[in-house]
């Protein structure tokens, strides 16, 4: 089975597998855990291939997708492939490196 995890959309992360596309909004606090629950149900194994678009895009979504991809690779020993949003072809990698495209915009909290 080939799964594609794409966090680079403006408002959501998608998982594509077996002709299905599932969308997970970035704004939801449980978006990452919802993705993990779906992947756990799929029972990914060494025969499978996980493709991840590593950026640029939403900073938190890129980090979450990279973390999930690396964890699945470690736990299931599946093939892991990556590409940037502007690239056409996936390439096999040992570990995902997020690509943010620019420095993260982190502001100081306004709470006292």
N, C-alpha and C. Protein backbone atom coordinates (compact mmCIF):
# COMPACT_ATOMS: atom_id res chain seq x y z
N UNK A 1 0.84 -1.17 0.00
CA UNK A 1 0.00 0.00 0.00
C UNK A 1 0.90 1.24 0.00
N UNK A 2 0.49 2.24 -0.74
CA UNK A 2 1.20 3.52 -0.79
C UNK A 2 0.33 4.55 -0.08
N UNK A 3 0.91 5.22 0.91
CA UNK A 3 0.23 6.29 1.65
C UNK A 3 0.97 7.58 1.41
N UNK A 4 0.24 8.66 1.20
CA UNK A 4 0.86 9.97 1.01
C UNK A 4 0.32 10.93 2.07
N UNK A 5 1.22 11.50 2.82
CA UNK A 5 0.89 12.47 3.87
C UNK A 5 1.33 13.84 3.38
N UNK A 6 0.36 14.76 3.25
CA UNK A 6 0.67 16.08 2.70
C UNK A 6 0.15 17.18 3.62
N UNK A 7 1.05 17.82 4.39
CA UNK A 7 0.65 18.90 5.30
C UNK A 7 0.78 20.29 4.69
N UNK A 8 0.98 20.41 3.38
CA UNK A 8 1.30 21.70 2.77
C UNK A 8 0.09 22.49 2.28
N UNK A 9 -1.11 21.96 2.43
CA UNK A 9 -2.30 22.72 2.05
C UNK A 9 -2.48 23.86 3.04
N UNK A 10 -3.17 24.89 2.65
CA UNK A 10 -3.31 26.08 3.50
C UNK A 10 -4.02 25.79 4.82
N UNK A 11 -5.06 24.97 4.81
CA UNK A 11 -5.87 24.80 6.01
C UNK A 11 -5.93 23.38 6.57
N UNK A 12 -5.36 22.41 5.88
CA UNK A 12 -5.49 21.03 6.33
C UNK A 12 -4.33 20.16 5.86
N UNK A 13 -4.18 19.02 6.52
CA UNK A 13 -3.24 17.97 6.13
C UNK A 13 -4.06 16.86 5.50
N UNK A 14 -3.55 16.23 4.45
CA UNK A 14 -4.28 15.13 3.83
C UNK A 14 -3.48 13.83 3.95
N UNK A 15 -4.22 12.73 4.02
CA UNK A 15 -3.65 11.40 3.88
C UNK A 15 -4.36 10.77 2.69
N UNK A 16 -3.58 10.29 1.74
CA UNK A 16 -4.15 9.65 0.56
C UNK A 16 -3.71 8.20 0.55
N UNK A 17 -4.66 7.28 0.42
CA UNK A 17 -4.36 5.84 0.35
C UNK A 17 -5.54 5.12 -0.28
N UNK A 18 -5.25 4.10 -1.05
CA UNK A 18 -6.27 3.26 -1.68
C UNK A 18 -7.38 4.07 -2.34
N UNK A 19 -7.01 5.17 -2.98
CA UNK A 19 -7.98 6.01 -3.68
C UNK A 19 -8.80 6.91 -2.79
N UNK A 20 -8.55 6.90 -1.49
CA UNK A 20 -9.26 7.76 -0.54
C UNK A 20 -8.38 8.95 -0.15
N UNK A 21 -9.02 10.07 0.13
CA UNK A 21 -8.30 11.24 0.64
C UNK A 21 -9.02 11.69 1.91
N UNK A 22 -8.29 11.70 3.01
CA UNK A 22 -8.83 12.17 4.29
C UNK A 22 -8.19 13.51 4.61
N UNK A 23 -8.99 14.47 5.11
CA UNK A 23 -8.50 15.81 5.43
C UNK A 23 -8.57 16.04 6.94
N UNK A 24 -7.50 16.64 7.48
CA UNK A 24 -7.41 16.96 8.89
C UNK A 24 -7.08 18.45 9.03
N UNK A 25 -8.03 19.27 9.51
CA UNK A 25 -7.78 20.71 9.63
C UNK A 25 -6.60 21.01 10.54
N UNK A 26 -5.78 21.98 10.16
CA UNK A 26 -4.63 22.39 10.97
C UNK A 26 -5.07 22.98 12.31
N UNK A 27 -6.21 23.63 12.32
CA UNK A 27 -6.64 24.34 13.53
C UNK A 27 -7.07 23.41 14.66
N UNK A 28 -7.33 22.15 14.37
CA UNK A 28 -7.76 21.22 15.42
C UNK A 28 -6.58 20.80 16.29
N UNK A 29 -6.78 20.82 17.58
CA UNK A 29 -5.72 20.43 18.50
C UNK A 29 -5.36 18.96 18.40
N UNK A 30 -6.31 18.13 18.03
CA UNK A 30 -6.06 16.70 17.98
C UNK A 30 -5.76 16.20 16.56
N UNK A 31 -5.37 17.11 15.66
CA UNK A 31 -5.10 16.72 14.27
C UNK A 31 -4.04 15.65 14.15
N UNK A 32 -2.92 15.82 14.87
CA UNK A 32 -1.85 14.83 14.81
C UNK A 32 -2.27 13.49 15.35
N UNK A 33 -3.00 13.48 16.47
CA UNK A 33 -3.43 12.21 17.05
C UNK A 33 -4.49 11.54 16.17
N UNK A 34 -5.31 12.33 15.48
CA UNK A 34 -6.29 11.76 14.56
C UNK A 34 -5.59 11.06 13.39
N UNK A 35 -4.52 11.67 12.90
CA UNK A 35 -3.75 11.05 11.82
C UNK A 35 -3.12 9.75 12.30
N UNK A 36 -2.57 9.75 13.50
CA UNK A 36 -1.95 8.55 14.06
C UNK A 36 -2.98 7.44 14.22
N UNK A 37 -4.19 7.77 14.67
CA UNK A 37 -5.25 6.75 14.81
C UNK A 37 -5.58 6.11 13.47
N UNK A 38 -5.66 6.90 12.42
CA UNK A 38 -5.95 6.36 11.09
C UNK A 38 -4.81 5.44 10.64
N UNK A 39 -3.57 5.88 10.80
CA UNK A 39 -2.43 5.07 10.39
C UNK A 39 -2.35 3.77 11.19
N UNK A 40 -2.71 3.80 12.46
CA UNK A 40 -2.70 2.58 13.29
C UNK A 40 -3.73 1.57 12.77
N UNK A 41 -4.88 2.06 12.34
CA UNK A 41 -5.92 1.17 11.81
C UNK A 41 -5.48 0.51 10.50
N UNK A 42 -4.61 1.18 9.76
CA UNK A 42 -4.16 0.65 8.47
C UNK A 42 -3.11 -0.46 8.61
N UNK A 43 -2.55 -0.61 9.80
CA UNK A 43 -1.56 -1.65 10.07
C UNK A 43 -0.43 -1.64 9.04
N UNK A 44 0.29 -0.56 9.01
CA UNK A 44 1.40 -0.38 8.06
C UNK A 44 2.51 -1.35 8.40
N UNK A 45 3.09 -1.95 7.35
CA UNK A 45 4.17 -2.93 7.54
C UNK A 45 5.34 -2.60 6.62
N UNK A 46 6.34 -3.45 6.65
CA UNK A 46 7.54 -3.25 5.82
C UNK A 46 7.22 -3.32 4.33
N UNK A 47 6.10 -3.89 3.96
CA UNK A 47 5.72 -3.97 2.54
C UNK A 47 5.17 -2.65 2.02
N UNK A 48 4.83 -1.74 2.91
CA UNK A 48 4.17 -0.50 2.53
C UNK A 48 5.17 0.63 2.29
N UNK A 49 4.65 1.70 1.71
CA UNK A 49 5.47 2.86 1.38
C UNK A 49 4.76 4.11 1.89
N UNK A 50 5.46 4.92 2.67
CA UNK A 50 4.92 6.17 3.18
C UNK A 50 5.62 7.32 2.50
N UNK A 51 4.83 8.15 1.83
CA UNK A 51 5.36 9.34 1.14
C UNK A 51 4.91 10.57 1.91
N UNK A 52 5.86 11.48 2.14
CA UNK A 52 5.54 12.69 2.92
C UNK A 52 6.05 13.91 2.16
N UNK A 53 5.17 14.89 1.99
CA UNK A 53 5.57 16.18 1.44
C UNK A 53 6.06 16.99 2.64
N UNK A 54 7.34 17.36 2.63
CA UNK A 54 7.98 17.94 3.82
C UNK A 54 7.97 19.47 3.88
N UNK A 55 7.27 20.13 2.98
CA UNK A 55 7.15 21.58 3.07
C UNK A 55 7.35 22.25 1.74
N UNK A 56 7.28 23.56 1.71
CA UNK A 56 6.93 24.46 2.79
C UNK A 56 5.43 24.47 3.04
N UNK A 57 5.07 25.02 4.18
CA UNK A 57 3.66 25.09 4.56
C UNK A 57 3.53 25.53 6.00
N UNK A 58 2.40 25.20 6.60
CA UNK A 58 2.12 25.52 7.99
C UNK A 58 3.19 24.92 8.89
N UNK A 59 3.84 25.74 9.70
CA UNK A 59 4.98 25.30 10.51
C UNK A 59 4.65 24.08 11.38
N UNK A 60 3.57 24.16 12.14
CA UNK A 60 3.21 23.05 13.03
C UNK A 60 2.82 21.81 12.25
N UNK A 61 2.12 21.98 11.14
CA UNK A 61 1.70 20.83 10.34
C UNK A 61 2.91 20.12 9.73
N UNK A 62 3.89 20.88 9.26
CA UNK A 62 5.11 20.30 8.69
C UNK A 62 5.85 19.51 9.77
N UNK A 63 5.97 20.08 10.96
CA UNK A 63 6.65 19.39 12.07
C UNK A 63 5.91 18.12 12.46
N UNK A 64 4.58 18.19 12.55
CA UNK A 64 3.78 17.02 12.92
C UNK A 64 3.90 15.93 11.88
N UNK A 65 3.81 16.27 10.60
CA UNK A 65 3.91 15.27 9.54
C UNK A 65 5.29 14.61 9.54
N UNK A 66 6.33 15.39 9.76
CA UNK A 66 7.69 14.83 9.80
C UNK A 66 7.85 13.90 11.00
N UNK A 67 7.33 14.29 12.14
CA UNK A 67 7.39 13.45 13.33
C UNK A 67 6.64 12.13 13.11
N UNK A 68 5.43 12.22 12.58
CA UNK A 68 4.64 11.02 12.33
C UNK A 68 5.34 10.13 11.31
N UNK A 69 5.84 10.71 10.23
CA UNK A 69 6.54 9.91 9.21
C UNK A 69 7.75 9.19 9.76
N UNK A 70 8.56 9.88 10.55
CA UNK A 70 9.75 9.26 11.14
C UNK A 70 9.36 8.15 12.13
N UNK A 71 8.30 8.38 12.91
CA UNK A 71 7.85 7.37 13.87
C UNK A 71 7.32 6.12 13.16
N UNK A 72 6.54 6.32 12.11
CA UNK A 72 6.00 5.18 11.36
C UNK A 72 7.13 4.39 10.72
N UNK A 73 8.11 5.09 10.16
CA UNK A 73 9.28 4.42 9.57
C UNK A 73 9.98 3.57 10.62
N UNK A 74 10.19 4.11 11.81
CA UNK A 74 10.87 3.40 12.88
C UNK A 74 10.06 2.20 13.35
N UNK A 75 8.76 2.38 13.55
CA UNK A 75 7.93 1.32 14.11
C UNK A 75 7.56 0.23 13.11
N UNK A 76 7.27 0.62 11.87
CA UNK A 76 6.80 -0.35 10.87
C UNK A 76 7.89 -0.80 9.91
N UNK A 77 9.02 -0.09 9.90
CA UNK A 77 10.11 -0.38 8.99
C UNK A 77 9.66 -0.34 7.52
N UNK A 78 8.73 0.57 7.22
CA UNK A 78 8.26 0.72 5.84
C UNK A 78 9.22 1.62 5.07
N UNK A 79 9.05 1.65 3.76
CA UNK A 79 9.84 2.57 2.94
C UNK A 79 9.34 3.98 3.21
N UNK A 80 10.26 4.92 3.32
CA UNK A 80 9.93 6.31 3.58
C UNK A 80 10.46 7.16 2.43
N UNK A 81 9.58 7.91 1.81
CA UNK A 81 9.96 8.78 0.71
C UNK A 81 9.52 10.21 1.01
N UNK A 82 10.26 11.17 0.47
CA UNK A 82 9.95 12.57 0.74
C UNK A 82 10.15 13.40 -0.52
N UNK A 83 9.47 14.53 -0.54
CA UNK A 83 9.69 15.55 -1.55
C UNK A 83 9.17 16.87 -1.01
N UNK A 84 9.65 17.95 -1.58
CA UNK A 84 9.12 19.27 -1.26
C UNK A 84 7.92 19.53 -2.14
N UNK A 85 7.10 20.47 -1.76
CA UNK A 85 5.88 20.80 -2.50
C UNK A 85 6.16 21.16 -3.95
N UNK A 86 7.28 21.83 -4.21
CA UNK A 86 7.60 22.28 -5.56
C UNK A 86 8.33 21.22 -6.39
N UNK A 87 8.59 20.07 -5.84
CA UNK A 87 9.26 18.98 -6.56
C UNK A 87 8.21 17.99 -7.07
N UNK A 88 8.55 17.26 -8.12
CA UNK A 88 7.61 16.31 -8.71
C UNK A 88 7.81 14.89 -8.19
N UNK A 89 9.04 14.50 -7.96
CA UNK A 89 9.33 13.11 -7.63
C UNK A 89 9.71 12.93 -6.16
N UNK A 90 9.21 11.84 -5.59
CA UNK A 90 9.60 11.47 -4.24
C UNK A 90 10.94 10.76 -4.30
N UNK A 91 11.75 10.89 -3.23
CA UNK A 91 13.03 10.19 -3.14
C UNK A 91 13.07 9.46 -1.80
N UNK A 92 13.68 8.30 -1.78
CA UNK A 92 13.75 7.53 -0.55
C UNK A 92 14.72 8.19 0.43
N UNK A 93 14.30 8.26 1.70
CA UNK A 93 15.11 8.88 2.75
C UNK A 93 15.13 7.96 3.96
N UNK A 94 16.14 8.14 4.79
CA UNK A 94 16.22 7.39 6.04
C UNK A 94 15.47 8.09 7.15
N UNK A 95 15.44 9.42 7.08
CA UNK A 95 14.76 10.24 8.08
C UNK A 95 14.24 11.50 7.40
N UNK A 96 13.08 11.94 7.81
CA UNK A 96 12.49 13.15 7.22
C UNK A 96 13.10 14.40 7.83
N UNK A 97 13.42 15.34 6.98
CA UNK A 97 13.90 16.66 7.40
C UNK A 97 12.86 17.68 6.96
N UNK A 98 12.16 18.33 7.90
CA UNK A 98 11.16 19.32 7.50
C UNK A 98 11.79 20.48 6.73
N UNK A 99 11.03 21.02 5.79
CA UNK A 99 11.47 22.17 5.02
C UNK A 99 10.42 23.27 5.21
N UNK A 100 10.80 24.32 5.91
CA UNK A 100 9.85 25.37 6.24
C UNK A 100 9.77 26.47 5.19
N UNK A 101 10.79 26.65 4.40
CA UNK A 101 10.79 27.67 3.37
C UNK A 101 11.24 29.04 3.88
N UNK A 102 11.05 29.28 5.16
CA UNK A 102 11.48 30.52 5.80
C UNK A 102 11.54 30.27 7.30
N UNK A 103 12.09 31.22 8.02
CA UNK A 103 12.18 31.08 9.48
C UNK A 103 10.78 31.09 10.08
N UNK A 104 10.56 30.32 11.15
CA UNK A 104 9.25 30.31 11.78
C UNK A 104 8.90 31.67 12.37
N UNK A 105 7.64 32.02 12.34
CA UNK A 105 7.17 33.28 12.89
C UNK A 105 6.67 33.02 14.32
N UNK A 106 7.57 33.17 15.26
CA UNK A 106 7.23 32.92 16.67
C UNK A 106 7.22 34.25 17.40
N UNK A 107 6.12 34.53 18.04
CA UNK A 107 6.00 35.80 18.76
C UNK A 107 6.00 35.55 20.27
N UNK A 108 6.38 36.58 20.98
CA UNK A 108 6.40 36.51 22.44
C UNK A 108 4.96 36.57 22.95
N UNK A 109 4.64 35.77 23.96
CA UNK A 109 3.32 35.76 24.53
C UNK A 109 2.97 37.12 25.11
N UNK A 110 1.73 37.52 24.97
CA UNK A 110 1.28 38.82 25.49
C UNK A 110 0.73 38.69 26.90
N UNK A 111 0.66 37.48 27.41
CA UNK A 111 0.14 37.27 28.77
C UNK A 111 1.18 37.70 29.79
N UNK A 112 0.74 38.18 30.91
CA UNK A 112 1.65 38.57 32.00
C UNK A 112 1.59 37.56 33.10
